Amino acid sequence: MSLKCNLSLENYIIIYSIINRFASIEGYKYKLNYIGKKEKEQEKENVEFYKKFMLDFCKKVEEKTIEERLKDLFSVVGIDKMKFLIKLLLNKSIIEEKDLRDFINKNFAYFISGEMRNDEKAINAMNLVFEEVHNKRGVDFSEIKYLDRGGYKIVYLLETENDKVIIKMGSPRYVKKILYTSKALYPVFYREVNPEFEIEITEFAEDVYLTFEQAYQFYKKLRDKGIVFTDIHLFKDFEKVINLGRLTKPNCIHYLDEETGEPIYIDPRSVGFEFDPKYDEIEIQEVGTIVIRDLDFIYRDKNKNICWYTPNYTASIIFEERYQNEMKKKIIKSLMLKLKRLKVIKRLKLKLKRIKNKELKYGNRESATPRYGSGASSNREHVN
């Protein structure tokens, strides 16, 4: 079925020019009346360059299909100006709204084609992923919203009446292999597209507001399992903890089997986790549980390359110092108990030794006492 769209060459050039903020030739001519002689010469050169550029550009565009022209506009505008492009296309009656949204959901990867180095294979592969998320979760990629910008990625929100999905796109994680912990928010999808760009899709987790002590107890539970999370941000005694969130769904991959309608649970190893039973067991956390929603800085405690920030930037280093002090006190207490036990054992041994000595003495007295039938007794009888 062909796309119902009348994106003519003229409309394409107009929209492309608006998106790229190209000044029109008329605009240049208007400007020439209000600038000096030297500037006029420069602007005339600009007009000539613009004419030549547009002629070459039009020849290339003429050869493209309507679908290719739309994809080109997607790649030029990017996600941030998607709403603006949709508005332009609808206002000029170039395409029906439903057809446009369907086309976006099938070709969303073109909005990030620059980040994927315009690699057609990578773009097509990601289009399949995005379309699958759209079909299985009912989310509309044309309604994507900017949510936040982290140290490595830009965070977007896809929202429906009953569902929310988070998409993170940007630089690869600082820690390449993520140590599995049941307290980490599962990615629905994760892929490093190239050395400079990766995509992660996760469930939505609500913001969490914690006291300093509550945040420390969360850190401590992980630390007791041999896991170090160095990216807890907390500056006051009760505020939003940026990298933690509260589950709105059980912590698993929420895909439904098309035939049975039952949930499909995906092994965390298949979405970028490194599982080691020494550190944690695979466990599905329930709604309301606090989890780590930014997985960049999770380490094993034996890792020699743990990245720590200054205390002014993150609370984790303060938590680690407190944890180490508590562990020292715990070790000292344990040693004192052992020493106490040793002293008790020593006293018991001395007591046991005394009891044995007493038994030995008592036994000697028994052997020295005359008994019936002994020689002494027979002598008495003889005297009698």
Protein backbone atom coordinates (compact mmCIF):
# COMPACT_ATOMS: atom_id res chain seq x y z
CA MET A 1 0.00 0.00 0.00
CA SER A 2 1.54 3.30 -1.13
CA LEU A 3 1.80 6.32 1.15
CA LYS A 4 -0.96 8.91 0.67
CA CYS A 5 1.22 12.01 0.62
CA ASN A 6 1.63 14.88 -1.85
CA LEU A 7 5.04 16.19 -0.79
CA SER A 8 5.92 18.06 -3.98
CA LEU A 9 9.41 19.30 -4.75
CA GLU A 10 8.27 22.87 -4.07
CA ASN A 11 6.82 22.01 -0.66
CA TYR A 12 9.86 19.92 0.19
CA ILE A 13 12.20 22.87 -0.56
CA ILE A 14 10.04 25.29 1.44
CA ILE A 15 9.92 23.00 4.50
CA TYR A 16 13.60 22.10 4.19
CA SER A 17 14.49 25.81 4.03
CA ILE A 18 12.33 26.66 7.06
CA ILE A 19 13.87 23.82 9.09
CA ASN A 20 17.41 24.85 8.19
CA ARG A 21 16.64 28.55 8.54
CA PHE A 22 17.83 29.35 5.03
CA ALA A 23 17.00 32.93 4.05
CA SER A 24 15.10 33.21 0.79
CA ILE A 25 16.57 35.00 -2.25
CA GLU A 26 13.89 37.70 -1.80
CA GLY A 27 15.06 38.13 1.75
CA TYR A 28 18.61 38.70 0.58
CA LYS A 29 17.45 41.27 -1.99
CA TYR A 30 15.43 43.10 0.67
CA LYS A 31 18.46 43.16 2.95
CA LEU A 32 20.70 44.68 0.22
CA ASN A 33 18.78 47.96 0.41
CA TYR A 34 19.75 48.51 4.05
CA ILE A 35 23.46 47.61 4.27
CA GLY A 36 26.74 49.26 3.19
CA LYS A 37 28.68 48.78 -0.06
CA LYS A 38 31.17 46.24 1.32
CA GLU A 39 28.44 44.18 2.93
CA LYS A 40 26.40 44.34 -0.29
CA GLU A 41 29.18 42.64 -2.23
CA GLN A 42 29.33 39.87 0.39
CA GLU A 43 25.57 39.40 0.35
CA LYS A 44 25.51 39.21 -3.46
CA GLU A 45 28.02 36.39 -3.23
CA ASN A 46 25.72 34.72 -0.68
CA VAL A 47 22.79 35.01 -3.09
CA GLU A 48 24.81 33.41 -5.90
CA PHE A 49 25.96 30.62 -3.60
CA TYR A 50 22.39 30.07 -2.45
CA LYS A 51 21.12 29.86 -6.05
CA LYS A 52 23.79 27.32 -7.02
CA PHE A 53 23.26 25.28 -3.88
CA MET A 54 19.50 25.13 -4.40
CA LEU A 55 19.83 24.14 -8.07
CA ASP A 56 22.10 21.21 -7.19
CA PHE A 57 19.92 20.33 -4.23
CA CYS A 58 16.72 20.33 -6.33
CA LYS A 59 18.24 17.96 -8.89
CA LYS A 60 18.99 15.43 -6.14
CA VAL A 61 15.55 15.78 -4.55
CA GLU A 62 13.74 15.35 -7.88
CA GLU A 63 15.13 11.82 -8.16
CA LYS A 64 13.81 10.80 -4.74
CA THR A 65 10.46 9.19 -3.95
CA ILE A 66 7.98 10.88 -1.60
CA GLU A 67 8.87 8.38 1.15
CA GLU A 68 12.57 9.22 0.75
CA ARG A 69 11.81 12.94 0.90
CA LEU A 70 9.90 12.47 4.14
CA LYS A 71 12.74 10.43 5.64
CA ASP A 72 15.18 13.17 4.61
CA LEU A 73 13.11 15.75 6.46
CA PHE A 74 13.03 13.47 9.53
CA SER A 75 16.82 13.17 9.53
CA VAL A 76 17.28 16.94 9.13
CA VAL A 77 14.82 18.00 11.82
CA GLY A 78 15.76 15.46 14.53
CA ILE A 79 13.65 14.58 17.58
CA ASP A 80 13.77 18.02 19.20
CA LYS A 81 11.93 19.72 16.30
CA MET A 82 9.67 16.81 15.38
CA LYS A 83 6.54 18.64 16.57
CA PHE A 84 7.44 21.60 14.38
CA LEU A 85 7.83 19.37 11.30
CA ILE A 86 4.50 17.61 11.98
CA LYS A 87 2.79 20.99 12.25
CA LEU A 88 4.30 22.18 8.92
CA LEU A 89 3.26 19.02 7.07
CA LEU A 90 -0.30 19.09 8.45
CA ASN A 91 -0.81 22.84 7.98
CA LYS A 92 0.12 22.58 4.31
CA SER A 93 -2.25 19.59 3.91
CA ILE A 94 0.61 17.49 2.56
CA ILE A 95 -0.44 14.35 4.43
CA GLU A 96 -3.26 13.15 6.70
CA GLU A 97 -2.42 13.10 10.42
CA LYS A 98 -3.02 9.35 10.87
CA ASP A 99 -0.86 8.48 7.84
CA LEU A 100 1.91 10.75 9.09
CA ARG A 101 1.90 9.24 12.58
CA ASP A 102 1.91 5.70 11.15
CA PHE A 103 4.84 6.63 8.94
CA ILE A 104 6.75 8.10 11.90
CA ASN A 105 6.18 4.95 14.00
CA LYS A 106 7.60 2.80 11.19
CA ASN A 107 10.51 5.12 10.40
CA PHE A 108 11.33 6.75 13.74
CA ALA A 109 15.03 5.82 13.52
CA TYR A 110 15.49 8.41 10.74
CA PHE A 111 15.08 11.13 13.36
CA ILE A 112 18.37 9.92 14.88
CA SER A 113 20.07 8.88 11.63
CA GLY A 114 22.88 11.41 12.19
CA GLU A 115 23.79 9.79 15.51
CA MET A 116 23.78 6.42 13.72
CA ARG A 117 26.22 7.82 11.13
CA ASN A 118 23.51 7.46 8.45
CA ASP A 119 24.19 3.72 8.45
CA GLU A 120 21.17 2.37 6.56
CA LYS A 121 21.49 -1.12 8.10
CA ALA A 122 21.55 0.28 11.63
CA ILE A 123 18.63 2.60 10.85
CA ASN A 124 16.52 -0.25 9.43
CA ALA A 125 17.36 -2.50 12.41
CA MET A 126 16.32 0.20 14.89
CA ASN A 127 13.14 0.93 12.93
CA LEU A 128 12.12 -2.70 13.50
CA VAL A 129 12.79 -2.34 17.24
CA PHE A 130 10.83 0.91 17.53
CA GLU A 131 7.93 -0.49 15.51
CA GLU A 132 7.80 -3.56 17.77
CA VAL A 133 7.70 -1.34 20.88
CA HIS A 134 4.94 0.72 19.22
CA ASN A 135 2.89 -2.38 18.37
CA LYS A 136 3.33 -4.21 21.69
CA ARG A 137 3.07 -1.25 24.02
CA GLY A 138 0.69 0.95 22.03
CA VAL A 139 2.96 4.00 22.40
CA ASP A 140 3.09 6.65 19.67
CA PHE A 141 6.61 7.78 18.76
CA SER A 142 5.24 10.95 17.16
CA GLU A 143 4.21 12.00 20.70
CA ILE A 144 7.70 11.58 22.18
CA LYS A 145 8.56 14.17 24.86
CA TYR A 146 11.91 15.44 26.11
CA LEU A 147 12.25 14.56 29.81
CA ASP A 148 15.81 15.17 30.98
CA ARG A 149 19.48 15.25 30.02
CA GLY A 150 21.93 13.12 31.98
CA GLY A 151 25.71 13.01 31.90
CA TYR A 152 25.69 10.54 29.00
CA LYS A 153 22.21 10.45 27.46
CA ILE A 154 19.13 12.44 26.62
CA VAL A 155 16.00 10.99 28.23
CA TYR A 156 12.63 10.94 26.43
CA LEU A 157 9.17 9.89 27.57
CA LEU A 158 6.53 7.98 25.57
CA GLU A 159 3.18 8.11 27.29
CA THR A 160 -0.28 6.68 26.72
CA GLU A 161 -3.32 6.72 28.97
CA ASN A 162 -2.25 3.50 30.72
CA ASP A 163 1.45 3.17 29.97
CA LYS A 164 4.78 5.02 30.08
CA VAL A 165 8.07 4.06 28.43
CA ILE A 166 11.45 5.77 28.78
CA ILE A 167 13.94 6.02 25.90
CA LYS A 168 17.56 7.00 26.60
CA MET A 169 19.82 7.89 23.68
CA GLY A 170 23.38 9.15 23.68
CA SER A 171 26.92 8.22 24.65
CA PRO A 172 27.62 4.63 25.76
CA ARG A 173 27.59 3.78 29.46
CA TYR A 174 30.68 4.56 31.50
CA VAL A 175 30.70 0.97 32.78
CA LYS A 176 30.41 -1.35 29.77
CA LYS A 177 29.26 -4.48 31.65
CA ILE A 178 26.44 -3.86 34.10
CA LEU A 179 26.61 -6.08 37.15
CA TYR A 180 23.16 -7.57 37.68
CA THR A 181 21.34 -6.64 40.83
CA SER A 182 17.65 -7.23 41.48
CA LYS A 183 17.51 -3.56 42.53
CA ALA A 184 18.32 -2.32 39.01
CA LEU A 185 15.60 -1.25 36.58
CA TYR A 186 15.48 -3.72 33.69
CA PRO A 187 15.98 -2.27 30.20
CA VAL A 188 13.23 -3.39 27.83
CA PHE A 189 15.83 -3.03 25.07
CA TYR A 190 19.52 -2.13 25.01
CA ARG A 191 21.97 -1.78 22.13
CA GLU A 192 25.27 -0.03 21.46
CA VAL A 193 24.74 1.16 17.87
CA ASN A 194 28.31 2.42 17.45
CA PRO A 195 31.19 3.45 19.78
CA GLU A 196 29.63 6.93 20.22
CA PHE A 197 25.94 6.13 20.42
CA GLU A 198 23.64 3.68 22.19
CA ILE A 199 19.91 3.29 22.84
CA GLU A 200 18.19 2.00 25.95
CA ILE A 201 14.44 1.57 26.46
CA THR A 202 13.16 1.05 30.01
CA GLU A 203 9.97 1.03 32.01
CA PHE A 204 8.93 4.25 33.72
CA ALA A 205 9.87 4.56 37.41
CA GLU A 206 8.42 7.37 39.53
CA ASP A 207 10.62 9.94 41.26
CA VAL A 208 11.70 9.02 44.79
CA TYR A 209 12.06 11.39 47.73
CA LEU A 210 14.23 10.04 50.56
CA THR A 211 15.92 11.19 53.73
CA PHE A 212 19.68 10.84 53.98
CA GLU A 213 19.24 7.81 56.23
CA GLN A 214 16.78 6.08 53.88
CA ALA A 215 19.15 6.61 50.95
CA TYR A 216 22.02 5.19 53.00
CA GLN A 217 20.03 2.08 53.94
CA PHE A 218 19.38 1.46 50.21
CA TYR A 219 23.12 1.84 49.53
CA LYS A 220 23.99 -0.44 52.47
CA LYS A 221 21.77 -3.31 51.27
CA LEU A 222 23.55 -3.28 47.92
CA ARG A 223 26.93 -2.98 49.63
CA ASP A 224 26.20 -6.01 51.83
CA LYS A 225 25.78 -8.00 48.59
CA GLY A 226 29.19 -6.87 47.33
CA ILE A 227 27.74 -4.24 44.95
CA VAL A 228 28.90 -0.60 44.89
CA PHE A 229 26.67 2.09 43.37
CA THR A 230 28.59 5.37 43.19
CA ASP A 231 25.96 7.64 41.65
CA ILE A 232 23.42 8.47 44.37
CA HIS A 233 22.70 12.23 44.31
CA LEU A 234 21.31 13.66 47.53
CA PHE A 235 22.13 17.15 48.83
CA LYS A 236 19.56 17.73 51.57
CA ASP A 237 17.91 15.56 54.18
CA PHE A 238 14.74 14.95 52.18
CA GLU A 239 14.68 15.43 48.43
CA LYS A 240 14.39 13.70 45.08
CA VAL A 241 17.11 11.12 44.52
CA ILE A 242 17.88 11.56 40.82
CA ASN A 243 19.15 8.11 39.94
CA LEU A 244 16.65 6.08 41.95
CA GLY A 245 13.00 5.46 41.10
CA ARG A 246 9.92 3.67 42.40
CA LEU A 247 8.53 0.84 40.26
CA THR A 248 5.11 1.37 38.68
CA LYS A 249 5.16 -2.22 37.35
CA PRO A 250 6.95 -5.40 38.47
CA ASN A 251 10.61 -5.23 37.46
CA CYS A 252 10.61 -7.47 34.39
CA ILE A 253 10.26 -7.13 30.63
CA HIS A 254 6.60 -6.42 29.93
CA TYR A 255 5.95 -8.07 26.60
CA LEU A 256 2.86 -10.20 26.07
CA ASP A 257 2.76 -13.44 24.17
CA GLU A 258 0.69 -12.77 21.03
CA GLU A 259 -1.06 -16.15 21.23
CA THR A 260 -1.71 -16.56 24.97
CA GLY A 261 -1.67 -12.94 26.10
CA GLU A 262 0.57 -13.96 29.03
CA PRO A 263 3.66 -11.92 30.05
CA ILE A 264 6.98 -12.97 28.53
CA TYR A 265 9.80 -12.79 31.08
CA ILE A 266 13.20 -12.15 29.54
CA ASP A 267 16.47 -13.20 31.16
CA PRO A 268 18.30 -10.02 32.35
CA ARG A 269 21.49 -11.29 30.68
CA SER A 270 19.84 -10.73 27.30
CA VAL A 271 19.48 -6.97 27.88
CA GLY A 272 23.03 -6.09 28.96
CA PHE A 273 23.39 -7.43 32.52
CA GLU A 274 26.30 -9.56 33.72
CA PHE A 275 24.83 -12.08 36.16
CA ASP A 276 26.89 -13.67 38.94
CA PRO A 277 25.04 -15.70 41.63
CA LYS A 278 27.75 -14.73 44.16
CA TYR A 279 26.44 -11.16 44.18
CA ASP A 280 22.67 -11.42 43.74
CA GLU A 281 19.93 -13.78 42.65
CA ILE A 282 17.47 -13.15 39.83
CA GLU A 283 14.38 -11.81 41.56
CA ILE A 284 11.43 -9.83 40.19
CA GLN A 285 10.79 -6.77 42.38
CA GLU A 286 7.18 -5.74 42.87
CA VAL A 287 5.37 -2.42 42.32
CA GLY A 288 6.50 0.26 44.79
CA THR A 289 10.05 -1.07 45.21
CA ILE A 290 12.87 1.47 44.93
CA VAL A 291 15.32 0.60 42.15
CA ILE A 292 18.34 2.08 40.37
CA ARG A 293 17.13 3.69 37.16
CA ASP A 294 20.49 4.95 35.91
CA LEU A 295 22.83 1.98 35.41
CA ASP A 296 26.08 3.80 34.55
CA PHE A 297 27.99 3.34 37.83
CA ILE A 298 27.35 -0.11 39.32
CA TYR A 299 30.49 -2.05 40.33
CA ARG A 300 31.62 -5.17 42.12
CA ASP A 301 33.30 -4.31 45.41
CA LYS A 302 36.53 -6.00 44.26
CA ASN A 303 36.79 -3.76 41.17
CA LYS A 304 40.01 -1.70 41.34
CA ASN A 305 38.73 0.96 38.92
CA ILE A 306 35.66 2.22 40.79
CA CYS A 307 34.82 5.80 39.80
CA TRP A 308 34.05 8.01 42.83
CA TYR A 309 32.87 11.62 42.72
CA THR A 310 33.50 14.35 45.27
CA PRO A 311 31.13 14.50 48.27
CA ASN A 312 29.75 17.81 46.94
CA TYR A 313 28.47 16.03 43.84
CA THR A 314 27.21 12.71 45.13
CA ALA A 315 26.28 11.16 48.47
CA SER A 316 27.74 7.75 47.58
CA ILE A 317 31.28 8.53 48.78
CA ILE A 318 29.88 9.70 52.15
CA PHE A 319 27.83 6.50 52.33
CA GLU A 320 30.94 4.43 51.53
CA GLU A 321 32.96 6.09 54.30
CA ARG A 322 30.15 5.43 56.77
CA TYR A 323 29.82 1.84 55.56
CA GLN A 324 33.58 1.22 56.00
CA ASN A 325 33.47 2.66 59.53
CA GLU A 326 30.51 0.45 60.39
CA MET A 327 32.32 -2.58 58.99
CA LYS A 328 35.42 -1.78 61.10
CA LYS A 329 33.27 -1.52 64.22
CA LYS A 330 31.54 -4.77 63.29
CA ILE A 331 34.92 -6.52 62.82
CA ILE A 332 36.21 -5.16 66.15
CA LYS A 333 33.02 -6.28 67.88
CA SER A 334 33.31 -9.72 66.30
CA LEU A 335 36.96 -10.02 67.39
CA MET A 336 36.05 -8.95 70.92
CA LEU A 337 33.35 -11.62 71.05
CA LYS A 338 35.83 -14.22 69.82
CA LEU A 339 38.34 -13.08 72.42
CA LYS A 340 35.65 -13.27 75.08
CA ARG A 341 34.77 -16.76 73.92
CA LEU A 342 38.45 -17.73 74.05
CA LYS A 343 38.70 -16.46 77.63
CA VAL A 344 35.58 -18.40 78.58
CA ILE A 345 37.00 -21.51 76.89
CA LYS A 346 40.30 -21.00 78.73
CA ARG A 347 38.46 -20.72 82.08
CA LEU A 348 36.42 -23.80 81.24
CA LYS A 349 39.57 -25.70 80.40
CA LEU A 350 41.15 -24.70 83.74
CA LYS A 351 37.98 -25.69 85.56
CA LEU A 352 37.90 -29.02 83.76
CA LYS A 353 41.55 -29.58 84.65
CA ARG A 354 40.83 -28.91 88.34
CA ILE A 355 37.89 -31.33 88.29
CA LYS A 356 40.10 -34.01 86.75
CA ASN A 357 42.80 -33.39 89.36
CA LYS A 358 40.21 -33.71 92.12
CA GLU A 359 38.97 -36.97 90.66
CA LEU A 360 42.53 -38.24 90.50
CA LYS A 361 43.13 -37.31 94.17
CA TYR A 362 39.89 -38.87 95.27
CA GLY A 363 40.81 -41.99 93.38
CA ASN A 364 44.16 -42.23 95.24
CA ARG A 365 42.46 -42.00 98.61
CA GLU A 366 40.08 -44.79 97.64
CA SER A 367 42.95 -47.12 96.78
CA ALA A 368 44.68 -46.41 100.12
CA THR A 369 41.56 -47.25 102.23
CA PRO A 370 41.46 -50.83 103.68
CA ARG A 371 38.73 -52.90 102.06
CA TYR A 372 36.93 -56.08 103.16
CA GLY A 373 39.06 -59.12 102.55
CA SER A 374 42.28 -57.14 102.62
CA GLY A 375 45.41 -58.22 104.43
CA ALA A 376 44.78 -55.84 107.34
CA SER A 377 41.43 -57.41 107.99
CA SER A 378 42.78 -60.95 108.10
CA ASN A 379 45.43 -59.90 110.61
CA ARG A 380 42.76 -58.51 112.93
CA GLU A 381 40.84 -61.73 112.72
CA HIS A 382 44.03 -63.72 113.57
CA VAL A 383 44.62 -61.53 116.67
CA ASN A 384 41.05 -62.08 117.82
